[in-house]
Amino acid sequence: MLYNPRMASKHPLKVFISYASADREKARKLHAFLTGQGADPWLDVENLLPGQDWKMEIHKALEDTDLVLLCLSKHSVSREGYVQKEMRLALDRALEIPPGEIFLIPGRFEDVELPYSLRDYQWVDLFTESGVKRLVQSLNLRAERVKAALLSSDNPPPNLKKEKAAPRKKAAPPPPAKTEIHIHGDVTGSNIIIGDDNQANIKSND
Protein backbone atom coordinates (compact mmCIF):
# COMPACT_ATOMS: atom_id res chain seq x y z
CA MET A 1 0.00 0.00 0.00
CA LEU A 2 1.55 3.30 -1.09
CA TYR A 3 -0.49 5.66 1.06
CA ASN A 4 0.95 6.46 4.50
CA PRO A 5 -1.93 7.33 6.87
CA ARG A 6 0.49 8.98 9.32
CA MET A 7 1.28 11.59 6.66
CA ALA A 8 -2.31 12.31 5.57
CA SER A 9 -2.79 15.72 3.98
CA LYS A 10 -4.91 18.34 5.69
CA HIS A 11 -5.10 20.18 2.39
CA PRO A 12 -4.68 17.52 -0.29
CA LEU A 13 -3.48 18.68 -3.68
CA LYS A 14 -6.42 19.25 -6.03
CA VAL A 15 -5.87 17.60 -9.41
CA PHE A 16 -8.30 18.05 -12.30
CA ILE A 17 -8.29 14.99 -14.60
CA SER A 18 -9.25 15.69 -18.22
CA TYR A 19 -9.73 12.71 -20.53
CA ALA A 20 -11.64 11.41 -23.54
CA SER A 21 -14.78 9.39 -22.82
CA ALA A 22 -13.25 6.33 -24.51
CA ASP A 23 -10.51 6.36 -21.84
CA ARG A 24 -12.92 6.42 -18.89
CA GLU A 25 -11.66 3.22 -17.25
CA LYS A 26 -8.03 4.38 -17.41
CA ALA A 27 -9.12 7.72 -15.92
CA ARG A 28 -10.89 5.88 -13.09
CA LYS A 29 -7.71 3.91 -12.32
CA LEU A 30 -5.72 7.14 -12.33
CA HIS A 31 -8.27 8.74 -10.00
CA ALA A 32 -8.04 5.80 -7.59
CA PHE A 33 -4.23 5.89 -7.68
CA LEU A 34 -4.03 9.63 -6.95
CA THR A 35 -6.57 9.32 -4.15
CA GLY A 36 -4.46 6.55 -2.62
CA GLN A 37 -1.43 8.83 -2.79
CA GLY A 38 -3.17 11.48 -0.67
CA ALA A 39 -4.32 13.81 -3.46
CA ASP A 40 -7.82 15.15 -4.09
CA PRO A 41 -8.43 14.36 -7.78
CA TRP A 42 -11.52 15.64 -9.61
CA LEU A 43 -13.05 13.33 -12.20
CA ASP A 44 -16.47 13.96 -13.71
CA VAL A 45 -17.78 10.40 -13.32
CA GLU A 46 -16.68 10.36 -9.67
CA ASN A 47 -17.48 13.92 -8.56
CA LEU A 48 -20.51 15.08 -10.55
CA LEU A 49 -23.84 14.48 -8.81
CA PRO A 50 -27.16 13.79 -10.53
CA GLY A 51 -28.92 17.01 -11.44
CA GLN A 52 -25.83 19.23 -11.39
CA ASP A 53 -25.01 21.50 -14.31
CA TRP A 54 -21.96 19.57 -15.52
CA LYS A 55 -20.52 22.41 -17.60
CA MET A 56 -20.70 24.80 -14.66
CA GLU A 57 -19.18 22.23 -12.29
CA ILE A 58 -16.29 21.56 -14.69
CA HIS A 59 -15.59 25.29 -14.91
CA LYS A 60 -15.67 25.58 -11.10
CA ALA A 61 -13.34 22.61 -10.69
CA LEU A 62 -10.88 24.07 -13.20
CA GLU A 63 -10.91 27.43 -11.42
CA ASP A 64 -10.36 25.81 -8.02
CA THR A 65 -7.77 23.18 -8.97
CA ASP A 66 -4.08 23.24 -8.03
CA LEU A 67 -3.05 21.28 -11.11
CA VAL A 68 -4.53 19.99 -14.39
CA LEU A 69 -3.61 16.55 -15.70
CA LEU A 70 -4.50 16.26 -19.40
CA CYS A 71 -4.75 12.56 -20.26
CA LEU A 72 -3.83 12.04 -23.90
CA SER A 73 -4.54 9.12 -26.22
CA LYS A 74 -5.57 8.59 -29.83
CA HIS A 75 -9.11 9.25 -28.63
CA SER A 76 -8.36 12.70 -27.22
CA VAL A 77 -5.82 14.13 -29.68
CA SER A 78 -7.50 13.23 -32.97
CA ARG A 79 -11.21 13.59 -32.31
CA GLU A 80 -13.56 16.48 -31.73
CA GLY A 81 -15.39 16.73 -28.44
CA TYR A 82 -15.59 18.43 -25.07
CA VAL A 83 -12.10 17.20 -24.16
CA GLN A 84 -10.75 19.65 -26.74
CA LYS A 85 -12.60 22.47 -25.01
CA GLU A 86 -11.21 21.34 -21.64
CA MET A 87 -7.71 21.56 -23.12
CA ARG A 88 -8.35 25.15 -24.19
CA LEU A 89 -9.84 26.03 -20.82
CA ALA A 90 -6.84 24.47 -19.06
CA LEU A 91 -4.43 26.41 -21.27
CA ASP A 92 -6.30 29.65 -20.50
CA ARG A 93 -6.19 28.84 -16.78
CA ALA A 94 -2.44 28.14 -17.03
CA LEU A 95 -1.91 31.73 -18.22
CA GLU A 96 -2.94 32.87 -14.73
CA ILE A 97 -0.16 30.84 -13.07
CA PRO A 98 3.25 32.48 -12.45
CA PRO A 99 5.99 31.42 -14.91
CA GLY A 100 7.95 28.38 -13.85
CA GLU A 101 5.18 26.83 -11.76
CA ILE A 102 3.95 23.32 -12.52
CA PHE A 103 0.24 23.53 -13.27
CA LEU A 104 -0.54 21.70 -16.51
CA ILE A 105 0.84 18.20 -17.14
CA PRO A 106 0.15 16.26 -20.37
CA GLY A 107 -0.06 12.59 -19.37
CA ARG A 108 0.00 10.05 -22.19
CA PHE A 109 -2.08 6.88 -21.86
CA GLU A 110 -0.30 5.57 -24.97
CA ASP A 111 2.39 6.60 -27.44
CA VAL A 112 0.77 9.53 -29.26
CA GLU A 113 2.05 12.83 -30.60
CA LEU A 114 1.22 15.84 -28.45
CA PRO A 115 -1.09 18.50 -29.87
CA TYR A 116 0.81 21.57 -31.02
CA SER A 117 -0.72 23.71 -28.25
CA LEU A 118 0.83 21.46 -25.57
CA ARG A 119 4.34 21.11 -26.95
CA ASP A 120 5.78 23.68 -24.55
CA TYR A 121 4.88 21.39 -21.64
CA GLN A 122 6.91 18.34 -20.66
CA TRP A 123 4.71 15.26 -20.83
CA VAL A 124 4.75 12.08 -18.79
CA ASP A 125 4.01 8.52 -19.92
CA LEU A 126 1.38 6.96 -17.68
CA PHE A 127 1.87 3.57 -19.32
CA THR A 128 5.34 3.11 -17.76
CA GLU A 129 6.32 2.67 -14.12
CA SER A 130 9.04 5.31 -14.40
CA GLY A 131 6.50 7.73 -15.84
CA VAL A 132 4.13 7.27 -12.92
CA LYS A 133 7.03 7.83 -10.53
CA ARG A 134 7.94 11.08 -12.33
CA LEU A 135 4.31 12.20 -12.12
CA VAL A 136 4.34 11.75 -8.35
CA GLN A 137 7.56 13.80 -8.14
CA SER A 138 5.93 16.65 -10.07
CA LEU A 139 2.84 16.52 -7.89
CA ASN A 140 4.97 16.65 -4.75
CA LEU A 141 6.80 19.68 -6.08
CA ARG A 142 3.54 21.43 -6.93
CA ALA A 143 2.14 20.56 -3.51
CA GLU A 144 5.11 22.18 -1.79
CA ARG A 145 4.64 25.38 -3.79
CA VAL A 146 0.92 25.47 -3.00
CA LYS A 147 1.71 24.98 0.68
CA ALA A 148 4.24 27.82 0.62
CA ALA A 149 1.73 30.11 -1.10
CA LEU A 150 -0.92 29.32 1.51
CA LEU A 151 1.45 29.96 4.40
CA SER A 152 2.53 33.31 2.97
CA SER A 153 -0.99 34.43 2.13
CA ASP A 154 -2.37 37.50 3.89
CA ASN A 155 -5.60 35.59 4.45
CA PRO A 156 -4.68 31.94 5.03
CA PRO A 157 -7.37 29.28 5.38
CA PRO A 158 -8.70 28.75 8.92
CA ASN A 159 -6.61 25.61 9.45
CA LEU A 160 -3.43 27.64 8.82
CA LYS A 161 -4.20 30.43 11.33
CA LYS A 162 -2.88 30.34 14.85
CA GLU A 163 -5.56 29.55 17.36
CA LYS A 164 -6.08 32.41 19.80
CA ALA A 165 -6.17 31.91 23.54
CA ALA A 166 -9.62 32.06 25.06
CA PRO A 167 -10.59 35.44 26.62
CA ARG A 168 -9.56 36.05 30.24
CA LYS A 169 -6.99 33.30 30.11
CA LYS A 170 -3.27 33.96 30.27
CA ALA A 171 -2.22 30.63 28.83
CA ALA A 172 -0.04 30.86 25.74
CA PRO A 173 -1.85 30.19 22.47
CA PRO A 174 -1.32 26.72 21.01
CA PRO A 175 1.10 26.36 18.09
CA PRO A 176 -0.28 26.71 14.56
CA ALA A 177 -1.74 23.61 12.98
CA LYS A 178 0.62 21.78 10.68
CA THR A 179 -0.50 21.60 7.09
CA GLU A 180 0.81 18.94 4.75
CA ILE A 181 -0.03 19.00 1.05
CA HIS A 182 1.99 16.05 -0.17
CA ILE A 183 1.40 13.23 -2.55
CA HIS A 184 3.02 10.38 -0.64
CA GLY A 185 4.52 7.04 -1.52
CA ASP A 186 7.20 5.32 -3.55
CA VAL A 187 5.87 3.87 -6.80
CA THR A 188 9.02 1.87 -7.57
CA GLY A 189 8.05 -1.75 -8.12
CA SER A 190 4.39 -0.96 -7.49
CA ASN A 191 3.12 -1.99 -10.95
CA ILE A 192 0.68 0.92 -10.83
CA ILE A 193 0.80 1.51 -14.59
CA ILE A 194 -2.04 2.98 -16.62
CA GLY A 195 -2.06 2.52 -20.37
CA ASP A 196 -2.71 0.23 -23.30
CA ASP A 197 0.76 -1.31 -23.37
CA ASN A 198 0.66 -2.64 -19.82
CA GLN A 199 -2.87 -3.88 -19.17
CA ALA A 200 -1.56 -6.96 -17.41
CA ASN A 201 0.35 -4.82 -14.92
CA ILE A 202 -2.53 -2.65 -13.76
CA LYS A 203 -3.32 -3.18 -10.12
CA SER A 204 -6.33 -1.60 -8.46
CA ASN A 205 -5.99 0.45 -5.29
CA ASP A 206 -9.47 -0.46 -4.12
C-alpha atoms as a PDB file:
ATOM      1  CA  MET A   1       0.000   0.000   0.000  1.00  0.00           C
ATOM      2  CA  LEU A   2       1.546   3.301  -1.085  1.00  0.00           C
ATOM      3  CA  TYR A   3      -0.493   5.658   1.060  1.00  0.00           C
ATOM      4  CA  ASN A   4       0.953   6.458   4.495  1.00  0.00           C
ATOM      5  CA  PRO A   5      -1.927   7.332   6.867  1.00  0.00           C
ATOM      6  CA  ARG A   6       0.493   8.977   9.319  1.00  0.00           C
ATOM      7  CA  MET A   7       1.279  11.593   6.660  1.00  0.00           C
ATOM      8  CA  ALA A   8      -2.308  12.306   5.574  1.00  0.00           C
ATOM      9  CA  SER A   9      -2.790  15.720   3.980  1.00  0.00           C
ATOM     10  CA  LYS A  10      -4.912  18.337   5.694  1.00  0.00           C
ATOM     11  CA  HIS A  11      -5.104  20.183   2.391  1.00  0.00           C
ATOM     12  CA  PRO A  12      -4.681  17.521  -0.290  1.00  0.00           C
ATOM     13  CA  LEU A  13      -3.477  18.676  -3.685  1.00  0.00           C
ATOM     14  CA  LYS A  14      -6.424  19.247  -6.028  1.00  0.00           C
ATOM     15  CA  VAL A  15      -5.868  17.599  -9.407  1.00  0.00           C
ATOM     16  CA  PHE A  16      -8.304  18.045 -12.298  1.00  0.00           C
ATOM     17  CA  ILE A  17      -8.290  14.987 -14.599  1.00  0.00           C
ATOM     18  CA  SER A  18      -9.247  15.693 -18.219  1.00  0.00           C
ATOM     19  CA  TYR A  19      -9.733  12.707 -20.531  1.00  0.00           C
ATOM     20  CA  ALA A  20     -11.641  11.414 -23.545  1.00  0.00           C
ATOM     21  CA  SER A  21     -14.777   9.392 -22.824  1.00  0.00           C
ATOM     22  CA  ALA A  22     -13.250   6.333 -24.514  1.00  0.00           C
ATOM     23  CA  ASP A  23     -10.511   6.364 -21.837  1.00  0.00           C
ATOM     24  CA  ARG A  24     -12.918   6.417 -18.892  1.00  0.00           C
ATOM     25  CA  GLU A  25     -11.659   3.220 -17.253  1.00  0.00           C
ATOM     26  CA  LYS A  26      -8.034   4.385 -17.414  1.00  0.00           C
ATOM     27  CA  ALA A  27      -9.119   7.722 -15.920  1.00  0.00           C
ATOM     28  CA  ARG A  28     -10.887   5.884 -13.094  1.00  0.00           C
ATOM     29  CA  LYS A  29      -7.710   3.911 -12.317  1.00  0.00           C
ATOM     30  CA  LEU A  30      -5.720   7.138 -12.325  1.00  0.00           C
ATOM     31  CA  HIS A  31      -8.273   8.744  -9.998  1.00  0.00           C
ATOM     32  CA  ALA A  32      -8.035   5.802  -7.592  1.00  0.00           C
ATOM     33  CA  PHE A  33      -4.231   5.892  -7.684  1.00  0.00           C
ATOM     34  CA  LEU A  34      -4.031   9.635  -6.952  1.00  0.00           C
ATOM     35  CA  THR A  35      -6.573   9.316  -4.150  1.00  0.00           C
ATOM     36  CA  GLY A  36      -4.465   6.555  -2.615  1.00  0.00           C
ATOM     37  CA  GLN A  37      -1.428   8.828  -2.786  1.00  0.00           C
ATOM     38  CA  GLY A  38      -3.169  11.476  -0.674  1.00  0.00           C
ATOM     39  CA  ALA A  39      -4.317  13.814  -3.457  1.00  0.00           C
ATOM     40  CA  ASP A  40      -7.819  15.153  -4.088  1.00  0.00           C
ATOM     41  CA  PRO A  41      -8.425  14.358  -7.780  1.00  0.00           C
ATOM     42  CA  TRP A  42     -11.516  15.644  -9.607  1.00  0.00           C
ATOM     43  CA  LEU A  43     -13.047  13.328 -12.195  1.00  0.00           C
ATOM     44  CA  ASP A  44     -16.469  13.964 -13.705  1.00  0.00           C
ATOM     45  CA  VAL A  45     -17.781  10.400 -13.319  1.00  0.00           C
ATOM     46  CA  GLU A  46     -16.675  10.364  -9.667  1.00  0.00           C
ATOM     47  CA  ASN A  47     -17.477  13.919  -8.565  1.00  0.00           C
ATOM     48  CA  LEU A  48     -20.511  15.079 -10.548  1.00  0.00           C
ATOM     49  CA  LEU A  49     -23.840  14.484  -8.813  1.00  0.00           C
ATOM     50  CA  PRO A  50     -27.165  13.790 -10.530  1.00  0.00           C
ATOM     51  CA  GLY A  51     -28.923  17.012 -11.444  1.00  0.00           C
ATOM     52  CA  GLN A  52     -25.830  19.225 -11.390  1.00  0.00           C
ATOM     53  CA  ASP A  53     -25.006  21.501 -14.307  1.00  0.00           C
ATOM     54  CA  TRP A  54     -21.960  19.573 -15.519  1.00  0.00           C
ATOM     55  CA  LYS A  55     -20.520  22.408 -17.602  1.00  0.00           C
ATOM     56  CA  MET A  56     -20.698  24.796 -14.663  1.00  0.00           C
ATOM     57  CA  GLU A  57     -19.177  22.228 -12.291  1.00  0.00           C
ATOM     58  CA  ILE A  58     -16.292  21.561 -14.688  1.00  0.00           C
ATOM     59  CA  HIS A  59     -15.588  25.290 -14.913  1.00  0.00           C
ATOM     60  CA  LYS A  60     -15.672  25.578 -11.102  1.00  0.00           C
ATOM     61  CA  ALA A  61     -13.340  22.606 -10.688  1.00  0.00           C
ATOM     62  CA  LEU A  62     -10.876  24.074 -13.198  1.00  0.00           C
ATOM     63  CA  GLU A  63     -10.910  27.427 -11.420  1.00  0.00           C
ATOM     64  CA  ASP A  64     -10.365  25.806  -8.019  1.00  0.00           C
ATOM     65  CA  THR A  65      -7.775  23.177  -8.970  1.00  0.00           C
ATOM     66  CA  ASP A  66      -4.081  23.243  -8.031  1.00  0.00           C
ATOM     67  CA  LEU A  67      -3.055  21.276 -11.115  1.00  0.00           C
ATOM     68  CA  VAL A  68      -4.532  19.988 -14.386  1.00  0.00           C
ATOM     69  CA  LEU A  69      -3.613  16.547 -15.702  1.00  0.00           C
ATOM     70  CA  LEU A  70      -4.499  16.257 -19.404  1.00  0.00           C
ATOM     71  CA  CYS A  71      -4.753  12.557 -20.259  1.00  0.00           C
ATOM     72  CA  LEU A  72      -3.830  12.035 -23.904  1.00  0.00           C
ATOM     73  CA  SER A  73      -4.536   9.118 -26.224  1.00  0.00           C
ATOM     74  CA  LYS A  74      -5.566   8.592 -29.826  1.00  0.00           C
ATOM     75  CA  HIS A  75      -9.114   9.246 -28.633  1.00  0.00           C
ATOM     76  CA  SER A  76      -8.360  12.697 -27.218  1.00  0.00           C
ATOM     77  CA  VAL A  77      -5.821  14.126 -29.677  1.00  0.00           C
ATOM     78  CA  SER A  78      -7.499  13.230 -32.968  1.00  0.00           C
ATOM     79  CA  ARG A  79     -11.205  13.592 -32.307  1.00  0.00           C
ATOM     80  CA  GLU A  80     -13.559  16.480 -31.731  1.00  0.00           C
ATOM     81  CA  GLY A  81     -15.386  16.733 -28.444  1.00  0.00           C
ATOM     82  CA  TYR A  82     -15.591  18.434 -25.070  1.00  0.00           C
ATOM     83  CA  VAL A  83     -12.103  17.196 -24.162  1.00  0.00           C
ATOM     84  CA  GLN A  84     -10.748  19.651 -26.742  1.00  0.00           C
ATOM     85  CA  LYS A  85     -12.601  22.469 -25.006  1.00  0.00           C
ATOM     86  CA  GLU A  86     -11.211  21.339 -21.639  1.00  0.00           C
ATOM     87  CA  MET A  87      -7.709  21.558 -23.116  1.00  0.00           C
ATOM     88  CA  ARG A  88      -8.347  25.151 -24.192  1.00  0.00           C
ATOM     89  CA  LEU A  89      -9.838  26.030 -20.819  1.00  0.00           C
ATOM     90  CA  ALA A  90      -6.843  24.471 -19.055  1.00  0.00           C
ATOM     91  CA  LEU A  91      -4.427  26.407 -21.265  1.00  0.00           C
ATOM     92  CA  ASP A  92      -6.296  29.648 -20.497  1.00  0.00           C
ATOM     93  CA  ARG A  93      -6.187  28.845 -16.776  1.00  0.00           C
ATOM     94  CA  ALA A  94      -2.439  28.142 -17.027  1.00  0.00           C
ATOM     95  CA  LEU A  95      -1.908  31.728 -18.217  1.00  0.00           C
ATOM     96  CA  GLU A  96      -2.937  32.866 -14.728  1.00  0.00           C
ATOM     97  CA  ILE A  97      -0.156  30.837 -13.075  1.00  0.00           C
ATOM     98  CA  PRO A  98       3.248  32.477 -12.446  1.00  0.00           C
ATOM     99  CA  PRO A  99       5.988  31.423 -14.907  1.00  0.00           C
ATOM    100  CA  GLY A 100       7.954  28.378 -13.846  1.00  0.00           C
ATOM    101  CA  GLU A 101       5.184  26.829 -11.759  1.00  0.00           C
ATOM    102  CA  ILE A 102       3.949  23.320 -12.525  1.00  0.00           C
ATOM    103  CA  PHE A 103       0.241  23.534 -13.273  1.00  0.00           C
ATOM    104  CA  LEU A 104      -0.544  21.698 -16.514  1.00  0.00           C
ATOM    105  CA  ILE A 105       0.839  18.203 -17.140  1.00  0.00           C
ATOM    106  CA  PRO A 106       0.153  16.261 -20.366  1.00  0.00           C
ATOM    107  CA  GLY A 107      -0.064  12.593 -19.372  1.00  0.00           C
ATOM    108  CA  ARG A 108       0.002  10.046 -22.194  1.00  0.00           C
ATOM    109  CA  PHE A 109      -2.075   6.883 -21.862  1.00  0.00           C
ATOM    110  CA  GLU A 110      -0.299   5.574 -24.974  1.00  0.00           C
ATOM    111  CA  ASP A 111       2.393   6.598 -27.435  1.00  0.00           C
ATOM    112  CA  VAL A 112       0.773   9.526 -29.256  1.00  0.00           C
ATOM    113  CA  GLU A 113       2.053  12.832 -30.599  1.00  0.00           C
ATOM    114  CA  LEU A 114       1.221  15.836 -28.449  1.00  0.00           C
ATOM    115  CA  PRO A 115      -1.086  18.502 -29.867  1.00  0.00           C
ATOM    116  CA  TYR A 116       0.813  21.572 -31.022  1.00  0.00           C
ATOM    117  CA  SER A 117      -0.717  23.714 -28.251  1.00  0.00           C
ATOM    118  CA  LEU A 118       0.831  21.462 -25.567  1.00  0.00           C
ATOM    119  CA  ARG A 119       4.341  21.110 -26.950  1.00  0.00           C
ATOM    120  CA  ASP A 120       5.777  23.680 -24.551  1.00  0.00           C
ATOM    121  CA  TYR A 121       4.878  21.386 -21.636  1.00  0.00           C
ATOM    122  CA  GLN A 122       6.913  18.340 -20.659  1.00  0.00           C
ATOM    123  CA  TRP A 123       4.711  15.258 -20.834  1.00  0.00           C
ATOM    124  CA  VAL A 124       4.750  12.081 -18.791  1.00  0.00           C
ATOM    125  CA  ASP A 125       4.007   8.519 -19.919  1.00  0.00           C
ATOM    126  CA  LEU A 126       1.378   6.957 -17.679  1.00  0.00           C
ATOM    127  CA  PHE A 127       1.871   3.565 -19.323  1.00  0.00           C
ATOM    128  CA  THR A 128       5.338   3.111 -17.764  1.00  0.00           C
ATOM    129  CA  GLU A 129       6.317   2.669 -14.124  1.00  0.00           C
ATOM    130  CA  SER A 130       9.036   5.309 -14.399  1.00  0.00           C
ATOM    131  CA  GLY A 131       6.497   7.732 -15.842  1.00  0.00           C
ATOM    132  CA  VAL A 132       4.129   7.272 -12.915  1.00  0.00           C
ATOM    133  CA  LYS A 133       7.033   7.833 -10.534  1.00  0.00           C
ATOM    134  CA  ARG A 134       7.944  11.081 -12.331  1.00  0.00           C
ATOM    135  CA  LEU A 135       4.313  12.205 -12.118  1.00  0.00           C
ATOM    136  CA  VAL A 136       4.344  11.750  -8.352  1.00  0.00           C
ATOM    137  CA  GLN A 137       7.560  13.797  -8.145  1.00  0.00           C
ATOM    138  CA  SER A 138       5.932  16.646 -10.067  1.00  0.00           C
ATOM    139  CA  LEU A 139       2.836  16.522  -7.885  1.00  0.00           C
ATOM    140  CA  ASN A 140       4.969  16.646  -4.745  1.00  0.00           C
ATOM    141  CA  LEU A 141       6.799  19.681  -6.083  1.00  0.00           C
ATOM    142  CA  ARG A 142       3.541  21.435  -6.928  1.00  0.00           C
ATOM    143  CA  ALA A 143       2.138  20.557  -3.506  1.00  0.00           C
ATOM    144  CA  GLU A 144       5.115  22.176  -1.789  1.00  0.00           C
ATOM    145  CA  ARG A 145       4.639  25.384  -3.795  1.00  0.00           C
ATOM    146  CA  VAL A 146       0.915  25.465  -3.004  1.00  0.00           C
ATOM    147  CA  LYS A 147       1.707  24.981   0.678  1.00  0.00           C
ATOM    148  CA  ALA A 148       4.238  27.822   0.618  1.00  0.00           C
ATOM    149  CA  ALA A 149       1.732  30.107  -1.096  1.00  0.00           C
ATOM    150  CA  LEU A 150      -0.918  29.323   1.510  1.00  0.00           C
ATOM    151  CA  LEU A 151       1.451  29.957   4.401  1.00  0.00           C
ATOM    152  CA  SER A 152       2.532  33.306   2.966  1.00  0.00           C
ATOM    153  CA  SER A 153      -0.987  34.435   2.132  1.00  0.00           C
ATOM    154  CA  ASP A 154      -2.367  37.498   3.893  1.00  0.00           C
ATOM    155  CA  ASN A 155      -5.605  35.586   4.446  1.00  0.00           C
ATOM    156  CA  PRO A 156      -4.676  31.936   5.027  1.00  0.00           C
ATOM    157  CA  PRO A 157      -7.369  29.281   5.379  1.00  0.00           C
ATOM    158  CA  PRO A 158      -8.698  28.750   8.920  1.00  0.00           C
ATOM    159  CA  ASN A 159      -6.613  25.611   9.454  1.00  0.00           C
ATOM    160  CA  LEU A 160      -3.431  27.639   8.819  1.00  0.00           C
ATOM    161  CA  LYS A 161      -4.197  30.428  11.326  1.00  0.00           C
ATOM    162  CA  LYS A 162      -2.878  30.342  14.853  1.00  0.00           C
ATOM    163  CA  GLU A 163      -5.558  29.552  17.363  1.00  0.00           C
ATOM    164  CA  LYS A 164      -6.080  32.413  19.802  1.00  0.00           C
ATOM    165  CA  ALA A 165      -6.169  31.910  23.544  1.00  0.00           C
ATOM    166  CA  ALA A 166      -9.623  32.063  25.064  1.00  0.00           C
ATOM    167  CA  PRO A 167     -10.589  35.438  26.616  1.00  0.00           C
ATOM    168  CA  ARG A 168      -9.562  36.047  30.241  1.00  0.00           C
ATOM    169  CA  LYS A 169      -6.987  33.298  30.106  1.00  0.00           C
ATOM    170  CA  LYS A 170      -3.268  33.962  30.273  1.00  0.00           C
ATOM    171  CA  ALA A 171      -2.224  30.631  28.835  1.00  0.00           C
ATOM    172  CA  ALA A 172      -0.037  30.862  25.744  1.00  0.00           C
ATOM    173  CA  PRO A 173      -1.853  30.187  22.474  1.00  0.00           C
ATOM    174  CA  PRO A 174      -1.319  26.718  21.010  1.00  0.00           C
ATOM    175  CA  PRO A 175       1.104  26.362  18.091  1.00  0.00           C
ATOM    176  CA  PRO A 176      -0.279  26.705  14.558  1.00  0.00           C
ATOM    177  CA  ALA A 177      -1.738  23.610  12.983  1.00  0.00           C
ATOM    178  CA  LYS A 178       0.620  21.776  10.682  1.00  0.00           C
ATOM    179  CA  THR A 179      -0.497  21.603   7.094  1.00  0.00           C
ATOM    180  CA  GLU A 180       0.809  18.943   4.748  1.00  0.00           C
ATOM    181  CA  ILE A 181      -0.029  19.004   1.054  1.00  0.00           C
ATOM    182  CA  HIS A 182       1.994  16.048  -0.171  1.00  0.00           C
ATOM    183  CA  ILE A 183       1.397  13.229  -2.546  1.00  0.00           C
ATOM    184  CA  HIS A 184       3.018  10.376  -0.644  1.00  0.00           C
ATOM    185  CA  GLY A 185       4.516   7.036  -1.518  1.00  0.00           C
ATOM    186  CA  ASP A 186       7.200   5.321  -3.545  1.00  0.00           C
ATOM    187  CA  VAL A 187       5.871   3.874  -6.799  1.00  0.00           C
ATOM    188  CA  THR A 188       9.015   1.873  -7.572  1.00  0.00           C
ATOM    189  CA  GLY A 189       8.048  -1.749  -8.116  1.00  0.00           C
ATOM    190  CA  SER A 190       4.386  -0.965  -7.485  1.00  0.00           C
ATOM    191  CA  ASN A 191       3.121  -1.994 -10.947  1.00  0.00           C
ATOM    192  CA  ILE A 192       0.683   0.920 -10.829  1.00  0.00           C
ATOM    193  CA  ILE A 193       0.800   1.513 -14.587  1.00  0.00           C
ATOM    194  CA  ILE A 194      -2.036   2.977 -16.620  1.00  0.00           C
ATOM    195  CA  GLY A 195      -2.059   2.520 -20.367  1.00  0.00           C
ATOM    196  CA  ASP A 196      -2.714   0.228 -23.299  1.00  0.00           C
ATOM    197  CA  ASP A 197       0.761  -1.309 -23.370  1.00  0.00           C
ATOM    198  CA  ASN A 198       0.656  -2.643 -19.824  1.00  0.00           C
ATOM    199  CA  GLN A 199      -2.868  -3.884 -19.172  1.00  0.00           C
ATOM    200  CA  ALA A 200      -1.557  -6.965 -17.412  1.00  0.00           C
ATOM    201  CA  ASN A 201       0.347  -4.819 -14.925  1.00  0.00           C
ATOM    202  CA  ILE A 202      -2.532  -2.650 -13.763  1.00  0.00           C
ATOM    203  CA  LYS A 203      -3.322  -3.185 -10.116  1.00  0.00           C
ATOM    204  CA  SER A 204      -6.327  -1.604  -8.462  1.00  0.00           C
ATOM    205  CA  ASN A 205      -5.986   0.451  -5.290  1.00  0.00           C
ATOM    206  CA  ASP A 206      -9.467  -0.455  -4.118  1.00  0.00           C
END
